[in-house]
Amino acid sequence: MYNRRLLDRQTALLRHLTSEAFIFGGPALEAAVRDPDLRGMNLGQLRLEAEFSYSKRMKRIRDGFSRTAALFGPRFSAVTRGFAAACPPRTYERYPDARAFHEYFMAHWADDPAVPAWTGDVASVEVALAEARTLRPRPAVAVALAACPPPPPALRYRRHPCVLPARCRHDVRPLFDPGHGDGRIEERDTPLAVFAAAGRPPQIVELSPEAFDLLEAAPDWPPSAPEAGNGDGEETALLVAALAAQGLLLVRDGAPGRPHG
C-alpha cells in the first residue's frame, strides 16, 4: 500500500522543480515557496536542482537544434526560456522533448523577422534528424513487413518506417552538407526526406514533388490493395518501383512466388 500523501508531495515537488519560478526566480518564487508541500525543505538546494535540470534539458535541445540555435545567436536563450516556461518536461527521452520543442518553436518563433526566412525549415529538418537517430532500421523493417495484411494479387506499398518527410520552402541542405551546391540557400519548394540507414548517420535526400506526395500519403500499409498502382496507372507503378529501389518504400507483391521486402 502506497502513501498517498507522500505521492502527492513528490508530485508537487517535481512540478516546482520544473516551474519557471524555481528555474528563473523572480516574484513568482515568493508565492511558490509558500506551498505547504515545501515546508522543511532547503529552498536553496531545490532551486539549484531546478537550475541544473533546466541546464541539462536545454543543452539537449541546443545539441539537437544546433543550426537553428546558430541562426538565432544569443537570442536563442529567450527561445529556450519561453519553451521551458510553456512546456514542462513530460519525459526524459530525447526525441519526445525535441518534438515538443519543435512544435513550440514553429508556433512562436519560426517566423521571427529578426532571423533568416529559412529558420523554420532548418528546425523541421533537425527534428526529423532527431527522430531518425532513435530508429533502428533492421528491426523497424521486420516489424513493418510482419504487419502487412495478407497480400492480394495486386501489390501493396508503404513508406519505409525510417523515412521521415520534411517539406521545406527553402533548400537548406547547404547548412547540413557544406559540399552541397555553392553554399547559398535558395528559396524554392524543396521536398526532402530524412532517411535512417543501418550502419551510417541519417541521410537527407531531395525528392520530386510526386515522390514526396506518394511517401507522405503512404505512412503505413493500406487496409486493402490499391488498384493498378493506387489508381494512377503506369506512372505511379514506375514511381513505386523507383522509390522501392532507393530503399525509401517497402513493397509487398502478392504474385505467386514473389518475395516481399
Protein backbone atom coordinates (compact mmCIF):
# COMPACT_ATOMS: atom_id res chain seq x y z
CA MET A 1 0.00 0.00 0.00
CA TYR A 2 1.46 3.34 -1.04
CA ASN A 3 1.37 6.58 0.92
CA ARG A 4 -0.99 8.90 -0.98
CA ARG A 5 0.18 11.96 0.91
CA LEU A 6 3.82 11.20 0.08
CA LEU A 7 2.96 10.67 -3.58
CA ASP A 8 1.09 13.98 -3.75
CA ARG A 9 4.02 15.76 -2.12
CA GLN A 10 6.51 14.22 -4.56
CA THR A 11 4.31 15.26 -7.49
CA ALA A 12 4.12 18.81 -6.16
CA LEU A 13 7.89 18.87 -5.69
CA LEU A 14 8.50 17.79 -9.30
CA ARG A 15 6.07 20.44 -10.50
CA HIS A 16 8.03 23.09 -8.62
CA LEU A 17 11.41 21.86 -9.86
CA THR A 18 10.27 22.28 -13.48
CA SER A 19 8.46 25.58 -12.92
CA GLU A 20 9.56 28.95 -14.25
CA ALA A 21 9.53 30.31 -10.69
CA PHE A 22 12.14 27.87 -9.36
CA ILE A 23 14.28 27.87 -12.50
CA PHE A 24 14.46 31.63 -13.00
CA GLY A 25 13.41 33.10 -9.65
CA GLY A 26 11.60 36.43 -9.58
CA PRO A 27 8.29 37.48 -7.98
CA ALA A 28 6.59 34.16 -8.78
CA LEU A 29 9.05 32.38 -6.49
CA GLU A 30 7.72 34.20 -3.43
CA ALA A 31 4.28 32.66 -3.92
CA ALA A 32 5.68 29.23 -4.81
CA VAL A 33 7.75 28.86 -1.63
CA ARG A 34 4.61 29.24 0.49
CA ASP A 35 3.36 25.87 -0.74
CA PRO A 36 2.88 23.60 2.36
CA ASP A 37 4.44 20.72 0.43
CA LEU A 38 7.78 22.55 0.57
CA ARG A 39 7.72 23.04 4.34
CA GLY A 40 11.00 22.00 5.93
CA MET A 41 12.89 21.72 2.65
CA ASN A 42 16.07 23.58 1.76
CA LEU A 43 14.81 26.02 -0.87
CA GLY A 44 18.32 26.95 -1.95
CA GLN A 45 19.11 23.34 -2.81
CA LEU A 46 15.78 22.95 -4.58
CA ARG A 47 16.50 25.97 -6.76
CA LEU A 48 19.97 24.66 -7.51
CA GLU A 49 18.47 21.33 -8.60
CA ALA A 50 15.87 23.12 -10.73
CA GLU A 51 18.55 25.19 -12.47
CA PHE A 52 20.73 22.12 -13.03
CA SER A 53 17.86 20.14 -14.55
CA TYR A 54 16.93 23.07 -16.77
CA SER A 55 20.51 23.49 -17.99
CA LYS A 56 20.78 19.78 -18.78
CA ARG A 57 17.48 19.79 -20.67
CA MET A 58 18.34 22.90 -22.67
CA LYS A 59 21.76 21.50 -23.58
CA ARG A 60 19.99 18.55 -25.21
CA ILE A 61 17.74 20.98 -27.08
CA ARG A 62 20.71 23.08 -28.23
CA ASP A 63 22.61 19.99 -29.33
CA GLY A 64 19.63 18.72 -31.32
CA PHE A 65 18.84 22.11 -32.86
CA SER A 66 22.38 23.42 -33.18
CA ARG A 67 21.85 25.02 -36.62
CA THR A 68 18.61 26.64 -35.51
CA ALA A 69 20.40 27.98 -32.44
CA ALA A 70 23.22 29.35 -34.60
CA LEU A 71 20.72 31.31 -36.70
CA PHE A 72 19.35 32.95 -33.53
CA GLY A 73 22.68 33.51 -31.84
CA PRO A 74 22.41 34.80 -28.23
CA ARG A 75 18.65 35.29 -28.70
CA PHE A 76 18.16 31.53 -28.64
CA SER A 77 18.25 31.73 -24.83
CA ALA A 78 14.93 33.59 -24.99
CA VAL A 79 13.52 30.78 -27.14
CA THR A 80 14.56 28.07 -24.69
CA ARG A 81 13.38 30.08 -21.70
CA GLY A 82 9.96 30.52 -23.28
CA PHE A 83 9.83 26.82 -24.11
CA ALA A 84 10.72 25.83 -20.53
CA ALA A 85 8.01 28.10 -19.14
CA ALA A 86 5.34 26.91 -21.58
CA CYS A 87 6.24 23.21 -21.80
CA PRO A 88 7.42 21.46 -18.62
CA PRO A 89 9.16 18.15 -19.34
CA ARG A 90 6.84 15.17 -19.79
CA THR A 91 9.56 12.57 -20.28
CA TYR A 92 13.31 12.14 -20.00
CA GLU A 93 13.51 10.72 -23.54
CA ARG A 94 15.30 12.96 -26.02
CA TYR A 95 13.07 12.76 -29.08
CA PRO A 96 9.66 13.49 -27.47
CA ASP A 97 11.18 16.59 -25.88
CA ALA A 98 12.71 17.60 -29.22
CA ARG A 99 9.31 17.18 -30.89
CA ALA A 100 7.67 19.31 -28.18
CA PHE A 101 10.32 22.00 -28.70
CA HIS A 102 9.77 21.94 -32.46
CA GLU A 103 6.00 22.38 -32.05
CA TYR A 104 6.55 25.29 -29.66
CA PHE A 105 9.19 26.83 -31.92
CA MET A 106 7.06 26.64 -35.07
CA ALA A 107 4.11 28.21 -33.26
CA HIS A 108 6.03 31.10 -31.65
CA TRP A 109 9.42 31.73 -33.27
CA ALA A 110 9.73 30.27 -36.78
CA ASP A 111 8.57 33.49 -38.48
CA ASP A 112 10.57 35.86 -36.30
CA PRO A 113 11.60 38.70 -38.66
CA ALA A 114 15.00 39.01 -36.98
CA VAL A 115 16.19 35.61 -38.26
CA PRO A 116 16.51 34.23 -41.81
CA ALA A 117 13.29 33.12 -43.51
CA TRP A 118 14.57 29.54 -43.72
CA THR A 119 14.96 29.11 -39.95
CA GLY A 120 11.71 27.13 -39.64
CA ASP A 121 12.84 24.80 -42.43
CA VAL A 122 16.11 24.18 -40.61
CA ALA A 123 14.25 23.34 -37.39
CA SER A 124 11.97 20.92 -39.27
CA VAL A 125 14.95 19.06 -40.73
CA GLU A 126 16.66 18.97 -37.33
CA VAL A 127 13.63 17.46 -35.57
CA ALA A 128 13.45 14.81 -38.33
CA LEU A 129 17.14 14.06 -37.75
CA ALA A 130 16.45 13.80 -34.00
CA GLU A 131 13.76 11.20 -34.67
CA ALA A 132 15.92 9.35 -37.21
CA ARG A 133 18.65 8.88 -34.60
CA THR A 134 16.19 6.96 -32.41
CA LEU A 135 15.26 4.47 -35.16
CA ARG A 136 16.72 1.01 -35.71
CA PRO A 137 16.26 0.24 -39.41
CA ARG A 138 16.53 -3.57 -39.45
CA PRO A 139 14.09 -4.22 -36.57
CA ALA A 140 11.77 -1.49 -37.87
CA VAL A 141 11.59 -3.07 -41.32
CA ALA A 142 10.98 -6.53 -39.86
CA VAL A 143 8.10 -5.19 -37.75
CA ALA A 144 6.65 -3.29 -40.71
CA LEU A 145 6.72 -6.31 -43.03
CA ALA A 146 5.20 -8.56 -40.37
CA ALA A 147 2.31 -6.08 -40.02
CA CYS A 148 1.42 -6.17 -43.72
CA PRO A 149 -2.04 -7.68 -44.34
CA PRO A 150 -2.16 -10.87 -46.45
CA PRO A 151 -1.24 -9.85 -49.98
CA PRO A 152 -3.88 -9.96 -52.71
CA PRO A 153 -2.91 -10.25 -56.41
CA ALA A 154 -2.07 -6.51 -56.61
CA LEU A 155 0.92 -5.05 -54.78
CA ARG A 156 0.86 -3.16 -51.52
CA TYR A 157 3.34 -0.44 -50.60
CA ARG A 158 4.10 1.86 -47.71
CA ARG A 159 6.78 4.36 -46.74
CA HIS A 160 9.89 2.82 -45.24
CA PRO A 161 9.46 3.16 -41.45
CA CYS A 162 12.77 5.04 -41.22
CA VAL A 163 11.93 7.65 -43.88
CA LEU A 164 10.73 11.00 -42.49
CA PRO A 165 9.34 13.55 -44.98
CA ALA A 166 10.14 17.24 -44.41
CA ARG A 167 8.75 19.72 -46.93
CA CYS A 168 10.70 22.99 -46.94
CA ARG A 169 10.22 26.41 -48.52
CA HIS A 170 13.98 26.74 -48.98
CA ASP A 171 16.76 24.37 -49.98
CA VAL A 172 18.58 24.28 -46.65
CA ARG A 173 20.84 21.33 -47.46
CA PRO A 174 24.00 23.51 -47.64
CA LEU A 175 23.61 24.04 -43.87
CA PHE A 176 23.72 20.27 -43.32
CA ASP A 177 26.16 19.40 -46.10
CA PRO A 178 28.71 22.18 -46.74
CA GLY A 179 29.68 20.48 -50.01
CA HIS A 180 26.18 20.80 -51.43
CA GLY A 181 25.89 23.32 -54.27
CA ASP A 182 27.56 26.70 -53.90
CA GLY A 183 26.54 27.10 -50.26
CA ARG A 184 23.72 29.56 -50.89
CA ILE A 185 20.22 28.99 -49.53
CA GLU A 186 17.78 29.01 -52.42
CA GLU A 187 14.12 29.90 -51.93
CA ARG A 188 12.09 27.19 -53.63
CA ASP A 189 9.77 24.36 -52.76
CA THR A 190 12.13 21.62 -51.58
CA PRO A 191 10.60 18.22 -50.71
CA LEU A 192 13.15 16.45 -48.51
CA ALA A 193 13.26 13.12 -46.72
CA VAL A 194 15.48 12.19 -43.79
CA PHE A 195 16.39 8.51 -44.01
CA ALA A 196 17.86 6.45 -41.16
CA ALA A 197 20.00 3.77 -42.77
CA ALA A 198 21.69 0.89 -40.97
CA GLY A 199 25.35 1.46 -40.15
CA ARG A 200 25.58 5.13 -41.11
CA PRO A 201 24.32 8.55 -40.00
CA PRO A 202 20.87 9.70 -41.18
CA GLN A 203 20.83 10.89 -44.79
CA ILE A 204 18.97 13.88 -46.26
CA VAL A 205 17.70 13.41 -49.82
CA GLU A 206 15.64 15.63 -52.11
CA LEU A 207 12.60 14.09 -53.78
CA SER A 208 10.47 15.04 -56.72
CA PRO A 209 7.10 16.56 -55.69
CA GLU A 210 5.35 13.40 -56.94
CA ALA A 211 7.62 11.12 -54.92
CA PHE A 212 7.21 13.24 -51.79
CA ASP A 213 3.42 13.24 -52.13
CA LEU A 214 3.37 9.46 -52.54
CA LEU A 215 5.59 8.88 -49.49
CA GLU A 216 3.64 11.33 -47.36
CA ALA A 217 0.34 9.68 -48.34
CA ALA A 218 1.52 6.15 -47.55
CA PRO A 219 2.81 6.09 -43.95
CA ASP A 220 1.50 2.54 -43.46
CA TRP A 221 0.11 -0.40 -45.40
CA PRO A 222 -3.32 0.31 -46.94
CA PRO A 223 -6.18 -1.74 -45.46
CA SER A 224 -6.91 -3.05 -48.96
CA ALA A 225 -4.70 -3.29 -52.01
CA PRO A 226 -4.81 -0.30 -54.38
CA GLU A 227 -5.98 -0.87 -57.90
CA ALA A 228 -3.36 -0.50 -60.61
CA GLY A 229 -0.73 1.25 -58.53
CA ASN A 230 -3.05 3.27 -56.33
CA GLY A 231 -5.30 4.34 -59.21
CA ASP A 232 -2.72 6.34 -61.15
CA GLY A 233 -1.77 3.66 -63.60
CA GLU A 234 1.64 3.01 -65.05
CA GLU A 235 3.26 6.26 -63.88
CA THR A 236 2.55 5.50 -60.23
CA ALA A 237 3.71 1.91 -60.65
CA LEU A 238 7.01 3.17 -62.09
CA LEU A 239 7.37 5.69 -59.25
CA VAL A 240 6.70 2.97 -56.66
CA ALA A 241 9.36 0.77 -58.27
CA ALA A 242 11.89 3.63 -58.31
CA LEU A 243 11.32 4.54 -54.66
CA ALA A 244 11.49 0.89 -53.62
CA ALA A 245 14.81 0.55 -55.48
CA GLN A 246 16.16 3.52 -53.50
CA GLY A 247 15.05 1.91 -50.23
CA LEU A 248 12.51 4.64 -49.48
CA LEU A 249 9.44 2.44 -49.93
CA LEU A 250 8.52 -1.06 -48.80
CA VAL A 251 6.66 -3.15 -51.37
CA ARG A 252 4.87 -6.45 -50.98
CA ASP A 253 3.76 -8.22 -54.14
CA GLY A 254 1.05 -10.86 -53.93
CA ALA A 255 2.05 -12.63 -57.13
CA PRO A 256 2.82 -16.36 -56.60
CA GLY A 257 6.47 -16.99 -55.87
CA ARG A 258 7.34 -13.32 -55.49
CA PRO A 259 9.20 -12.29 -52.30
CA HIS A 260 8.47 -9.14 -50.38
CA GLY A 261 10.81 -6.57 -48.88
